[in-house]
Amino acid sequence: MYIPPHYQELDAAEIAAVMEAAPLGCIVAETPEGLVANHIPLLAAEAGMLIGHVALANDMHRLIADGQEVLAIFRGEDAYVSPNFYPSKPEHHRHVPTWNYQAVHVYGAISFQHDDHAKRAAVGLLTRLHERRVNGGRAWRMADAPADYMEKMLASIVAFRISVHRTLAKSKLSQNRDERDHQGAVDGLSATGHPGMAERMARRRTAHT
Protein backbone atom coordinates (compact mmCIF):
# COMPACT_ATOMS: atom_id res chain seq x y z
CA MET A 1 0.00 0.00 0.00
CA TYR A 2 1.35 3.39 -0.99
CA ILE A 3 1.55 5.54 2.15
CA PRO A 4 2.97 9.07 2.02
CA PRO A 5 4.52 9.93 5.41
CA HIS A 6 1.79 12.43 6.34
CA TYR A 7 -0.90 9.77 5.82
CA GLN A 8 0.82 6.93 7.69
CA GLU A 9 -1.28 5.76 10.63
CA LEU A 10 0.84 4.72 13.61
CA ASP A 11 -1.68 5.10 16.43
CA ALA A 12 -2.43 1.56 17.62
CA ALA A 13 -5.78 2.64 19.09
CA GLU A 14 -6.88 4.20 15.79
CA ILE A 15 -5.80 1.13 13.83
CA ALA A 16 -7.77 -1.09 16.20
CA ALA A 17 -10.78 1.23 15.89
CA VAL A 18 -10.78 0.94 12.09
CA MET A 19 -10.61 -2.86 12.27
CA GLU A 20 -13.32 -3.01 14.91
CA ALA A 21 -15.65 -0.72 12.98
CA ALA A 22 -15.14 -2.63 9.71
CA PRO A 23 -14.62 -6.29 10.75
CA LEU A 24 -15.47 -7.75 7.33
CA GLY A 25 -11.91 -8.22 6.16
CA CYS A 26 -10.81 -9.25 2.69
CA ILE A 27 -8.25 -12.07 2.83
CA VAL A 28 -5.99 -12.16 -0.22
CA ALA A 29 -3.57 -14.98 -0.99
CA GLU A 30 -1.52 -16.42 -3.84
CA THR A 31 -2.51 -19.98 -4.74
CA PRO A 32 -1.77 -22.52 -7.48
CA GLU A 33 -4.88 -21.15 -9.20
CA GLY A 34 -3.71 -17.54 -8.91
CA LEU A 35 -4.79 -14.84 -6.50
CA VAL A 36 -7.88 -15.53 -4.42
CA ALA A 37 -9.81 -13.08 -2.25
CA ASN A 38 -12.49 -13.85 0.32
CA HIS A 39 -14.55 -11.44 2.41
CA ILE A 40 -14.73 -12.83 5.94
CA PRO A 41 -15.63 -11.38 9.37
CA LEU A 42 -12.47 -11.30 11.45
CA LEU A 43 -11.83 -10.82 15.15
CA ALA A 44 -8.61 -9.38 16.52
CA ALA A 45 -7.63 -11.54 19.49
CA GLU A 46 -4.80 -11.39 21.99
CA ALA A 47 -1.23 -12.32 21.09
CA GLY A 48 -1.46 -10.76 17.63
CA MET A 49 -4.03 -13.14 16.17
CA LEU A 50 -6.94 -12.74 13.79
CA ILE A 51 -9.69 -15.34 14.19
CA GLY A 52 -12.32 -16.39 11.66
CA HIS A 53 -13.98 -19.28 9.89
CA VAL A 54 -14.99 -20.22 6.35
CA ALA A 55 -17.46 -22.63 4.82
CA LEU A 56 -16.14 -26.15 4.31
CA ALA A 57 -17.27 -25.80 0.69
CA ASN A 58 -15.00 -22.77 0.25
CA ASP A 59 -11.83 -23.95 -1.51
CA MET A 60 -9.83 -21.31 0.35
CA HIS A 61 -8.71 -23.81 2.99
CA ARG A 62 -7.66 -26.27 0.30
CA LEU A 63 -5.86 -23.78 -1.95
CA ILE A 64 -3.93 -21.94 0.76
CA ALA A 65 -1.24 -23.94 2.54
CA ASP A 66 -0.97 -23.96 6.32
CA GLY A 67 1.60 -21.38 7.40
CA GLN A 68 1.32 -19.42 4.15
CA GLU A 69 1.37 -15.62 4.29
CA VAL A 70 -1.93 -13.92 3.56
CA LEU A 71 -3.03 -10.30 3.49
CA ALA A 72 -6.16 -9.20 5.37
CA ILE A 73 -7.53 -5.84 4.27
CA PHE A 74 -9.81 -3.74 6.46
CA ARG A 75 -11.34 -0.67 4.86
CA GLY A 76 -12.83 2.05 7.00
CA GLU A 77 -15.05 4.92 5.92
CA ASP A 78 -14.34 6.67 2.64
CA ALA A 79 -15.69 9.74 0.88
CA TYR A 80 -15.20 11.86 -2.23
CA VAL A 81 -13.75 15.31 -1.51
CA SER A 82 -14.74 18.04 -3.98
CA PRO A 83 -12.50 21.06 -4.66
CA ASN A 84 -15.63 23.15 -4.02
CA PHE A 85 -15.31 22.31 -0.31
CA TYR A 86 -12.17 24.44 0.01
CA PRO A 87 -12.68 28.15 0.83
CA SER A 88 -9.40 28.95 -0.96
CA LYS A 89 -10.62 27.53 -4.27
CA PRO A 90 -12.12 30.79 -5.65
CA GLU A 91 -8.85 32.56 -4.87
CA HIS A 92 -6.51 30.48 -7.08
CA HIS A 93 -8.37 27.35 -8.31
CA ARG A 94 -5.31 25.20 -7.54
CA HIS A 95 -7.29 22.24 -6.23
CA VAL A 96 -8.38 18.92 -7.72
CA PRO A 97 -10.81 16.24 -6.47
CA THR A 98 -9.55 13.56 -4.12
CA TRP A 99 -10.80 10.71 -1.96
CA ASN A 100 -10.43 10.41 1.80
CA TYR A 101 -10.32 6.99 3.45
CA GLN A 102 -8.82 4.78 6.12
CA ALA A 103 -7.40 1.34 5.44
CA VAL A 104 -5.46 -1.28 7.38
CA HIS A 105 -3.40 -4.05 5.77
CA VAL A 106 -2.53 -6.96 8.05
CA TYR A 107 0.02 -9.58 6.98
CA GLY A 108 0.36 -12.93 8.71
CA ALA A 109 0.65 -16.70 8.49
CA ILE A 110 -2.68 -18.52 8.31
CA SER A 111 -3.40 -21.89 9.91
CA PHE A 112 -6.63 -23.84 9.41
CA GLN A 113 -8.29 -25.74 12.24
CA HIS A 114 -10.71 -28.60 11.67
CA ASP A 115 -11.25 -29.71 15.27
CA ASP A 116 -14.56 -29.09 17.02
CA HIS A 117 -13.00 -27.06 19.86
CA ALA A 118 -11.41 -24.53 17.51
CA LYS A 119 -14.57 -24.18 15.45
CA ARG A 120 -16.73 -23.63 18.52
CA ALA A 121 -14.26 -21.05 19.80
CA ALA A 122 -14.24 -19.12 16.53
CA VAL A 123 -18.02 -19.06 16.20
CA GLY A 124 -18.50 -18.33 19.89
CA LEU A 125 -16.09 -15.39 20.00
CA LEU A 126 -17.43 -13.79 16.81
CA THR A 127 -21.11 -14.19 17.64
CA ARG A 128 -20.67 -13.02 21.24
CA LEU A 129 -19.04 -9.79 20.08
CA HIS A 130 -21.54 -8.94 17.36
CA GLU A 131 -24.65 -10.21 19.12
CA ARG A 132 -23.89 -8.06 22.15
CA ARG A 133 -23.50 -5.04 19.88
CA VAL A 134 -26.83 -5.69 18.19
CA ASN A 135 -28.97 -7.25 20.91
CA GLY A 136 -27.28 -6.41 24.21
CA GLY A 137 -28.71 -8.56 27.00
CA ARG A 138 -30.88 -10.44 24.48
CA ALA A 139 -27.84 -11.66 22.53
CA TRP A 140 -28.21 -14.94 20.65
CA ARG A 141 -26.01 -17.72 22.02
CA MET A 142 -24.88 -20.96 20.43
CA ALA A 143 -26.75 -22.80 23.19
CA ASP A 144 -30.01 -21.29 21.91
CA ALA A 145 -29.88 -23.56 18.85
CA PRO A 146 -30.72 -27.29 19.08
CA ALA A 147 -27.57 -29.31 19.76
CA ASP A 148 -27.94 -31.52 16.67
CA TYR A 149 -28.46 -28.47 14.44
CA MET A 150 -25.38 -26.76 15.91
CA GLU A 151 -23.30 -29.86 15.33
CA LYS A 152 -24.40 -29.89 11.69
CA MET A 153 -23.52 -26.22 11.25
CA LEU A 154 -20.09 -26.65 12.87
CA ALA A 155 -19.38 -29.64 10.65
CA SER A 156 -19.82 -27.39 7.62
CA ILE A 157 -17.13 -24.84 8.54
CA VAL A 158 -13.35 -24.63 8.98
CA ALA A 159 -11.83 -22.34 11.61
CA PHE A 160 -8.59 -20.46 11.07
CA ARG A 161 -6.16 -18.15 12.78
CA ILE A 162 -3.79 -15.62 11.25
CA SER A 163 -0.59 -14.97 13.22
CA VAL A 164 0.10 -11.31 12.47
CA HIS A 165 3.66 -10.22 11.76
CA ARG A 166 3.17 -6.86 10.01
CA THR A 167 0.52 -4.16 9.93
CA LEU A 168 0.36 -1.15 7.60
CA ALA A 169 -2.27 1.52 8.08
CA LYS A 170 -3.26 4.68 6.23
CA SER A 171 -5.50 7.54 7.31
CA LYS A 172 -5.99 9.97 4.42
CA LEU A 173 -8.00 12.66 6.19
CA SER A 174 -6.93 15.93 4.52
CA GLN A 175 -3.96 16.33 6.90
CA ASN A 176 -2.10 18.11 4.10
CA ARG A 177 -4.58 21.01 4.03
CA ASP A 178 -4.29 24.22 5.99
CA GLU A 179 -6.76 24.79 8.81
CA ARG A 180 -9.23 26.76 6.71
CA ASP A 181 -9.44 24.27 3.84
CA HIS A 182 -9.42 21.31 6.23
CA GLN A 183 -12.45 22.74 8.01
CA GLY A 184 -14.07 23.35 4.63
CA ALA A 185 -13.62 19.67 3.79
CA VAL A 186 -15.08 18.67 7.16
CA ASP A 187 -18.11 20.91 6.61
CA GLY A 188 -18.53 19.74 3.02
CA LEU A 189 -18.47 16.06 3.89
CA SER A 190 -20.85 16.58 6.79
CA ALA A 191 -23.28 18.35 4.46
CA THR A 192 -23.08 15.66 1.77
CA GLY A 193 -23.95 12.66 3.89
CA HIS A 194 -20.59 11.65 5.39
CA PRO A 195 -20.81 12.73 9.04
CA GLY A 196 -18.67 9.80 10.21
CA MET A 197 -15.77 10.77 7.97
CA ALA A 198 -16.19 14.43 8.91
CA GLU A 199 -16.06 13.55 12.61
CA ARG A 200 -12.92 11.45 12.18
CA MET A 201 -11.23 14.29 10.30
CA ALA A 202 -12.17 16.86 12.94
CA ARG A 203 -11.06 14.58 15.77
CA ARG A 204 -7.74 13.89 14.05
CA ARG A 205 -7.09 17.59 13.54
CA THR A 206 -7.86 18.37 17.19
CA ALA A 207 -5.62 15.58 18.44
CA HIS A 208 -2.64 16.85 16.43
CA THR A 209 -2.91 20.57 17.17
C-alpha atoms as a PDB file:
ATOM      1  CA  MET A   1       0.000   0.000   0.000  1.00  0.00           C
ATOM      2  CA  TYR A   2       1.349   3.392  -0.991  1.00  0.00           C
ATOM      3  CA  ILE A   3       1.546   5.536   2.153  1.00  0.00           C
ATOM      4  CA  PRO A   4       2.974   9.066   2.016  1.00  0.00           C
ATOM      5  CA  PRO A   5       4.524   9.929   5.411  1.00  0.00           C
ATOM      6  CA  HIS A   6       1.792  12.430   6.341  1.00  0.00           C
ATOM      7  CA  TYR A   7      -0.904   9.771   5.824  1.00  0.00           C
ATOM      8  CA  GLN A   8       0.818   6.931   7.688  1.00  0.00           C
ATOM      9  CA  GLU A   9      -1.278   5.761  10.634  1.00  0.00           C
ATOM     10  CA  LEU A  10       0.843   4.722  13.611  1.00  0.00           C
ATOM     11  CA  ASP A  11      -1.680   5.101  16.429  1.00  0.00           C
ATOM     12  CA  ALA A  12      -2.430   1.556  17.623  1.00  0.00           C
ATOM     13  CA  ALA A  13      -5.776   2.642  19.093  1.00  0.00           C
ATOM     14  CA  GLU A  14      -6.878   4.201  15.790  1.00  0.00           C
ATOM     15  CA  ILE A  15      -5.799   1.130  13.828  1.00  0.00           C
ATOM     16  CA  ALA A  16      -7.767  -1.087  16.200  1.00  0.00           C
ATOM     17  CA  ALA A  17     -10.780   1.225  15.893  1.00  0.00           C
ATOM     18  CA  VAL A  18     -10.780   0.945  12.088  1.00  0.00           C
ATOM     19  CA  MET A  19     -10.611  -2.858  12.268  1.00  0.00           C
ATOM     20  CA  GLU A  20     -13.322  -3.009  14.915  1.00  0.00           C
ATOM     21  CA  ALA A  21     -15.648  -0.719  12.980  1.00  0.00           C
ATOM     22  CA  ALA A  22     -15.143  -2.631   9.709  1.00  0.00           C
ATOM     23  CA  PRO A  23     -14.622  -6.287  10.751  1.00  0.00           C
ATOM     24  CA  LEU A  24     -15.474  -7.747   7.335  1.00  0.00           C
ATOM     25  CA  GLY A  25     -11.910  -8.217   6.163  1.00  0.00           C
ATOM     26  CA  CYS A  26     -10.805  -9.245   2.688  1.00  0.00           C
ATOM     27  CA  ILE A  27      -8.253 -12.066   2.834  1.00  0.00           C
ATOM     28  CA  VAL A  28      -5.991 -12.161  -0.222  1.00  0.00           C
ATOM     29  CA  ALA A  29      -3.566 -14.983  -0.993  1.00  0.00           C
ATOM     30  CA  GLU A  30      -1.515 -16.417  -3.840  1.00  0.00           C
ATOM     31  CA  THR A  31      -2.512 -19.980  -4.738  1.00  0.00           C
ATOM     32  CA  PRO A  32      -1.767 -22.517  -7.480  1.00  0.00           C
ATOM     33  CA  GLU A  33      -4.882 -21.151  -9.203  1.00  0.00           C
ATOM     34  CA  GLY A  34      -3.710 -17.539  -8.914  1.00  0.00           C
ATOM     35  CA  LEU A  35      -4.788 -14.841  -6.499  1.00  0.00           C
ATOM     36  CA  VAL A  36      -7.885 -15.525  -4.417  1.00  0.00           C
ATOM     37  CA  ALA A  37      -9.806 -13.078  -2.246  1.00  0.00           C
ATOM     38  CA  ASN A  38     -12.492 -13.847   0.320  1.00  0.00           C
ATOM     39  CA  HIS A  39     -14.547 -11.441   2.415  1.00  0.00           C
ATOM     40  CA  ILE A  40     -14.729 -12.832   5.941  1.00  0.00           C
ATOM     41  CA  PRO A  41     -15.628 -11.384   9.366  1.00  0.00           C
ATOM     42  CA  LEU A  42     -12.465 -11.298  11.455  1.00  0.00           C
ATOM     43  CA  LEU A  43     -11.829 -10.819  15.151  1.00  0.00           C
ATOM     44  CA  ALA A  44      -8.609  -9.379  16.522  1.00  0.00           C
ATOM     45  CA  ALA A  45      -7.626 -11.545  19.489  1.00  0.00           C
ATOM     46  CA  GLU A  46      -4.802 -11.389  21.990  1.00  0.00           C
ATOM     47  CA  ALA A  47      -1.233 -12.320  21.087  1.00  0.00           C
ATOM     48  CA  GLY A  48      -1.458 -10.761  17.626  1.00  0.00           C
ATOM     49  CA  MET A  49      -4.026 -13.143  16.168  1.00  0.00           C
ATOM     50  CA  LEU A  50      -6.944 -12.735  13.791  1.00  0.00           C
ATOM     51  CA  ILE A  51      -9.691 -15.336  14.190  1.00  0.00           C
ATOM     52  CA  GLY A  52     -12.324 -16.386  11.663  1.00  0.00           C
ATOM     53  CA  HIS A  53     -13.978 -19.282   9.887  1.00  0.00           C
ATOM     54  CA  VAL A  54     -14.993 -20.215   6.347  1.00  0.00           C
ATOM     55  CA  ALA A  55     -17.457 -22.631   4.818  1.00  0.00           C
ATOM     56  CA  LEU A  56     -16.137 -26.153   4.314  1.00  0.00           C
ATOM     57  CA  ALA A  57     -17.274 -25.799   0.690  1.00  0.00           C
ATOM     58  CA  ASN A  58     -15.001 -22.769   0.250  1.00  0.00           C
ATOM     59  CA  ASP A  59     -11.834 -23.949  -1.511  1.00  0.00           C
ATOM     60  CA  MET A  60      -9.829 -21.308   0.349  1.00  0.00           C
ATOM     61  CA  HIS A  61      -8.709 -23.809   2.987  1.00  0.00           C
ATOM     62  CA  ARG A  62      -7.660 -26.268   0.305  1.00  0.00           C
ATOM     63  CA  LEU A  63      -5.862 -23.779  -1.955  1.00  0.00           C
ATOM     64  CA  ILE A  64      -3.930 -21.941   0.759  1.00  0.00           C
ATOM     65  CA  ALA A  65      -1.239 -23.941   2.544  1.00  0.00           C
ATOM     66  CA  ASP A  66      -0.969 -23.958   6.324  1.00  0.00           C
ATOM     67  CA  GLY A  67       1.596 -21.380   7.403  1.00  0.00           C
ATOM     68  CA  GLN A  68       1.319 -19.422   4.155  1.00  0.00           C
ATOM     69  CA  GLU A  69       1.366 -15.623   4.292  1.00  0.00           C
ATOM     70  CA  VAL A  70      -1.934 -13.924   3.564  1.00  0.00           C
ATOM     71  CA  LEU A  71      -3.028 -10.298   3.486  1.00  0.00           C
ATOM     72  CA  ALA A  72      -6.157  -9.203   5.367  1.00  0.00           C
ATOM     73  CA  ILE A  73      -7.532  -5.838   4.275  1.00  0.00           C
ATOM     74  CA  PHE A  74      -9.813  -3.742   6.459  1.00  0.00           C
ATOM     75  CA  ARG A  75     -11.344  -0.672   4.855  1.00  0.00           C
ATOM     76  CA  GLY A  76     -12.829   2.051   6.998  1.00  0.00           C
ATOM     77  CA  GLU A  77     -15.045   4.916   5.920  1.00  0.00           C
ATOM     78  CA  ASP A  78     -14.340   6.668   2.640  1.00  0.00           C
ATOM     79  CA  ALA A  79     -15.691   9.743   0.876  1.00  0.00           C
ATOM     80  CA  TYR A  80     -15.199  11.858  -2.232  1.00  0.00           C
ATOM     81  CA  VAL A  81     -13.750  15.307  -1.511  1.00  0.00           C
ATOM     82  CA  SER A  82     -14.739  18.040  -3.976  1.00  0.00           C
ATOM     83  CA  PRO A  83     -12.503  21.064  -4.663  1.00  0.00           C
ATOM     84  CA  ASN A  84     -15.631  23.153  -4.016  1.00  0.00           C
ATOM     85  CA  PHE A  85     -15.308  22.308  -0.312  1.00  0.00           C
ATOM     86  CA  TYR A  86     -12.168  24.437   0.011  1.00  0.00           C
ATOM     87  CA  PRO A  87     -12.678  28.150   0.830  1.00  0.00           C
ATOM     88  CA  SER A  88      -9.405  28.952  -0.956  1.00  0.00           C
ATOM     89  CA  LYS A  89     -10.618  27.527  -4.271  1.00  0.00           C
ATOM     90  CA  PRO A  90     -12.117  30.793  -5.649  1.00  0.00           C
ATOM     91  CA  GLU A  91      -8.850  32.560  -4.872  1.00  0.00           C
ATOM     92  CA  HIS A  92      -6.511  30.479  -7.075  1.00  0.00           C
ATOM     93  CA  HIS A  93      -8.371  27.354  -8.311  1.00  0.00           C
ATOM     94  CA  ARG A  94      -5.308  25.205  -7.539  1.00  0.00           C
ATOM     95  CA  HIS A  95      -7.289  22.235  -6.231  1.00  0.00           C
ATOM     96  CA  VAL A  96      -8.383  18.921  -7.716  1.00  0.00           C
ATOM     97  CA  PRO A  97     -10.807  16.244  -6.475  1.00  0.00           C
ATOM     98  CA  THR A  98      -9.547  13.560  -4.123  1.00  0.00           C
ATOM     99  CA  TRP A  99     -10.804  10.711  -1.960  1.00  0.00           C
ATOM    100  CA  ASN A 100     -10.426  10.405   1.802  1.00  0.00           C
ATOM    101  CA  TYR A 101     -10.321   6.994   3.448  1.00  0.00           C
ATOM    102  CA  GLN A 102      -8.822   4.783   6.123  1.00  0.00           C
ATOM    103  CA  ALA A 103      -7.400   1.335   5.443  1.00  0.00           C
ATOM    104  CA  VAL A 104      -5.464  -1.279   7.380  1.00  0.00           C
ATOM    105  CA  HIS A 105      -3.403  -4.052   5.772  1.00  0.00           C
ATOM    106  CA  VAL A 106      -2.525  -6.960   8.055  1.00  0.00           C
ATOM    107  CA  TYR A 107       0.023  -9.582   6.982  1.00  0.00           C
ATOM    108  CA  GLY A 108       0.360 -12.931   8.709  1.00  0.00           C
ATOM    109  CA  ALA A 109       0.649 -16.705   8.495  1.00  0.00           C
ATOM    110  CA  ILE A 110      -2.679 -18.523   8.308  1.00  0.00           C
ATOM    111  CA  SER A 111      -3.405 -21.892   9.909  1.00  0.00           C
ATOM    112  CA  PHE A 112      -6.631 -23.837   9.412  1.00  0.00           C
ATOM    113  CA  GLN A 113      -8.294 -25.744  12.244  1.00  0.00           C
ATOM    114  CA  HIS A 114     -10.708 -28.604  11.671  1.00  0.00           C
ATOM    115  CA  ASP A 115     -11.247 -29.710  15.271  1.00  0.00           C
ATOM    116  CA  ASP A 116     -14.555 -29.086  17.023  1.00  0.00           C
ATOM    117  CA  HIS A 117     -13.004 -27.059  19.859  1.00  0.00           C
ATOM    118  CA  ALA A 118     -11.407 -24.532  17.506  1.00  0.00           C
ATOM    119  CA  LYS A 119     -14.568 -24.180  15.446  1.00  0.00           C
ATOM    120  CA  ARG A 120     -16.730 -23.630  18.521  1.00  0.00           C
ATOM    121  CA  ALA A 121     -14.261 -21.052  19.804  1.00  0.00           C
ATOM    122  CA  ALA A 122     -14.237 -19.119  16.528  1.00  0.00           C
ATOM    123  CA  VAL A 123     -18.020 -19.063  16.202  1.00  0.00           C
ATOM    124  CA  GLY A 124     -18.501 -18.325  19.890  1.00  0.00           C
ATOM    125  CA  LEU A 125     -16.093 -15.388  19.998  1.00  0.00           C
ATOM    126  CA  LEU A 126     -17.429 -13.786  16.814  1.00  0.00           C
ATOM    127  CA  THR A 127     -21.108 -14.187  17.640  1.00  0.00           C
ATOM    128  CA  ARG A 128     -20.668 -13.018  21.236  1.00  0.00           C
ATOM    129  CA  LEU A 129     -19.044  -9.789  20.076  1.00  0.00           C
ATOM    130  CA  HIS A 130     -21.537  -8.937  17.356  1.00  0.00           C
ATOM    131  CA  GLU A 131     -24.649 -10.205  19.123  1.00  0.00           C
ATOM    132  CA  ARG A 132     -23.887  -8.059  22.154  1.00  0.00           C
ATOM    133  CA  ARG A 133     -23.502  -5.043  19.882  1.00  0.00           C
ATOM    134  CA  VAL A 134     -26.826  -5.692  18.188  1.00  0.00           C
ATOM    135  CA  ASN A 135     -28.967  -7.245  20.906  1.00  0.00           C
ATOM    136  CA  GLY A 136     -27.277  -6.414  24.208  1.00  0.00           C
ATOM    137  CA  GLY A 137     -28.712  -8.556  26.999  1.00  0.00           C
ATOM    138  CA  ARG A 138     -30.880 -10.437  24.482  1.00  0.00           C
ATOM    139  CA  ALA A 139     -27.843 -11.662  22.530  1.00  0.00           C
ATOM    140  CA  TRP A 140     -28.212 -14.939  20.654  1.00  0.00           C
ATOM    141  CA  ARG A 141     -26.005 -17.725  22.016  1.00  0.00           C
ATOM    142  CA  MET A 142     -24.879 -20.963  20.433  1.00  0.00           C
ATOM    143  CA  ALA A 143     -26.745 -22.799  23.194  1.00  0.00           C
ATOM    144  CA  ASP A 144     -30.007 -21.290  21.908  1.00  0.00           C
ATOM    145  CA  ALA A 145     -29.885 -23.564  18.849  1.00  0.00           C
ATOM    146  CA  PRO A 146     -30.724 -27.293  19.081  1.00  0.00           C
ATOM    147  CA  ALA A 147     -27.573 -29.314  19.757  1.00  0.00           C
ATOM    148  CA  ASP A 148     -27.937 -31.516  16.666  1.00  0.00           C
ATOM    149  CA  TYR A 149     -28.460 -28.466  14.443  1.00  0.00           C
ATOM    150  CA  MET A 150     -25.382 -26.756  15.905  1.00  0.00           C
ATOM    151  CA  GLU A 151     -23.303 -29.863  15.326  1.00  0.00           C
ATOM    152  CA  LYS A 152     -24.397 -29.894  11.690  1.00  0.00           C
ATOM    153  CA  MET A 153     -23.516 -26.222  11.252  1.00  0.00           C
ATOM    154  CA  LEU A 154     -20.089 -26.655  12.872  1.00  0.00           C
ATOM    155  CA  ALA A 155     -19.376 -29.642  10.646  1.00  0.00           C
ATOM    156  CA  SER A 156     -19.823 -27.390   7.617  1.00  0.00           C
ATOM    157  CA  ILE A 157     -17.126 -24.840   8.542  1.00  0.00           C
ATOM    158  CA  VAL A 158     -13.353 -24.629   8.981  1.00  0.00           C
ATOM    159  CA  ALA A 159     -11.832 -22.343  11.606  1.00  0.00           C
ATOM    160  CA  PHE A 160      -8.587 -20.459  11.066  1.00  0.00           C
ATOM    161  CA  ARG A 161      -6.165 -18.148  12.784  1.00  0.00           C
ATOM    162  CA  ILE A 162      -3.789 -15.623  11.254  1.00  0.00           C
ATOM    163  CA  SER A 163      -0.592 -14.969  13.215  1.00  0.00           C
ATOM    164  CA  VAL A 164       0.102 -11.310  12.468  1.00  0.00           C
ATOM    165  CA  HIS A 165       3.662 -10.216  11.756  1.00  0.00           C
ATOM    166  CA  ARG A 166       3.174  -6.856  10.006  1.00  0.00           C
ATOM    167  CA  THR A 167       0.516  -4.157   9.930  1.00  0.00           C
ATOM    168  CA  LEU A 168       0.359  -1.153   7.596  1.00  0.00           C
ATOM    169  CA  ALA A 169      -2.274   1.522   8.077  1.00  0.00           C
ATOM    170  CA  LYS A 170      -3.260   4.678   6.235  1.00  0.00           C
ATOM    171  CA  SER A 171      -5.497   7.535   7.314  1.00  0.00           C
ATOM    172  CA  LYS A 172      -5.987   9.966   4.418  1.00  0.00           C
ATOM    173  CA  LEU A 173      -8.000  12.656   6.186  1.00  0.00           C
ATOM    174  CA  SER A 174      -6.928  15.930   4.525  1.00  0.00           C
ATOM    175  CA  GLN A 175      -3.965  16.334   6.897  1.00  0.00           C
ATOM    176  CA  ASN A 176      -2.103  18.107   4.103  1.00  0.00           C
ATOM    177  CA  ARG A 177      -4.581  21.009   4.032  1.00  0.00           C
ATOM    178  CA  ASP A 178      -4.290  24.219   5.993  1.00  0.00           C
ATOM    179  CA  GLU A 179      -6.761  24.788   8.809  1.00  0.00           C
ATOM    180  CA  ARG A 180      -9.233  26.763   6.713  1.00  0.00           C
ATOM    181  CA  ASP A 181      -9.444  24.267   3.838  1.00  0.00           C
ATOM    182  CA  HIS A 182      -9.420  21.306   6.229  1.00  0.00           C
ATOM    183  CA  GLN A 183     -12.451  22.736   8.009  1.00  0.00           C
ATOM    184  CA  GLY A 184     -14.071  23.352   4.634  1.00  0.00           C
ATOM    185  CA  ALA A 185     -13.617  19.673   3.786  1.00  0.00           C
ATOM    186  CA  VAL A 186     -15.076  18.670   7.165  1.00  0.00           C
ATOM    187  CA  ASP A 187     -18.110  20.908   6.611  1.00  0.00           C
ATOM    188  CA  GLY A 188     -18.527  19.739   3.018  1.00  0.00           C
ATOM    189  CA  LEU A 189     -18.469  16.060   3.889  1.00  0.00           C
ATOM    190  CA  SER A 190     -20.847  16.579   6.795  1.00  0.00           C
ATOM    191  CA  ALA A 191     -23.276  18.354   4.465  1.00  0.00           C
ATOM    192  CA  THR A 192     -23.076  15.664   1.768  1.00  0.00           C
ATOM    193  CA  GLY A 193     -23.949  12.655   3.890  1.00  0.00           C
ATOM    194  CA  HIS A 194     -20.589  11.647   5.386  1.00  0.00           C
ATOM    195  CA  PRO A 195     -20.814  12.727   9.042  1.00  0.00           C
ATOM    196  CA  GLY A 196     -18.674   9.800  10.207  1.00  0.00           C
ATOM    197  CA  MET A 197     -15.772  10.769   7.970  1.00  0.00           C
ATOM    198  CA  ALA A 198     -16.187  14.429   8.910  1.00  0.00           C
ATOM    199  CA  GLU A 199     -16.063  13.546  12.607  1.00  0.00           C
ATOM    200  CA  ARG A 200     -12.916  11.454  12.184  1.00  0.00           C
ATOM    201  CA  MET A 201     -11.226  14.289  10.301  1.00  0.00           C
ATOM    202  CA  ALA A 202     -12.165  16.856  12.936  1.00  0.00           C
ATOM    203  CA  ARG A 203     -11.057  14.579  15.767  1.00  0.00           C
ATOM    204  CA  ARG A 204      -7.739  13.885  14.046  1.00  0.00           C
ATOM    205  CA  ARG A 205      -7.093  17.586  13.545  1.00  0.00           C
ATOM    206  CA  THR A 206      -7.859  18.373  17.186  1.00  0.00           C
ATOM    207  CA  ALA A 207      -5.623  15.577  18.445  1.00  0.00           C
ATOM    208  CA  HIS A 208      -2.643  16.847  16.425  1.00  0.00           C
ATOM    209  CA  THR A 209      -2.909  20.574  17.174  1.00  0.00           C
END
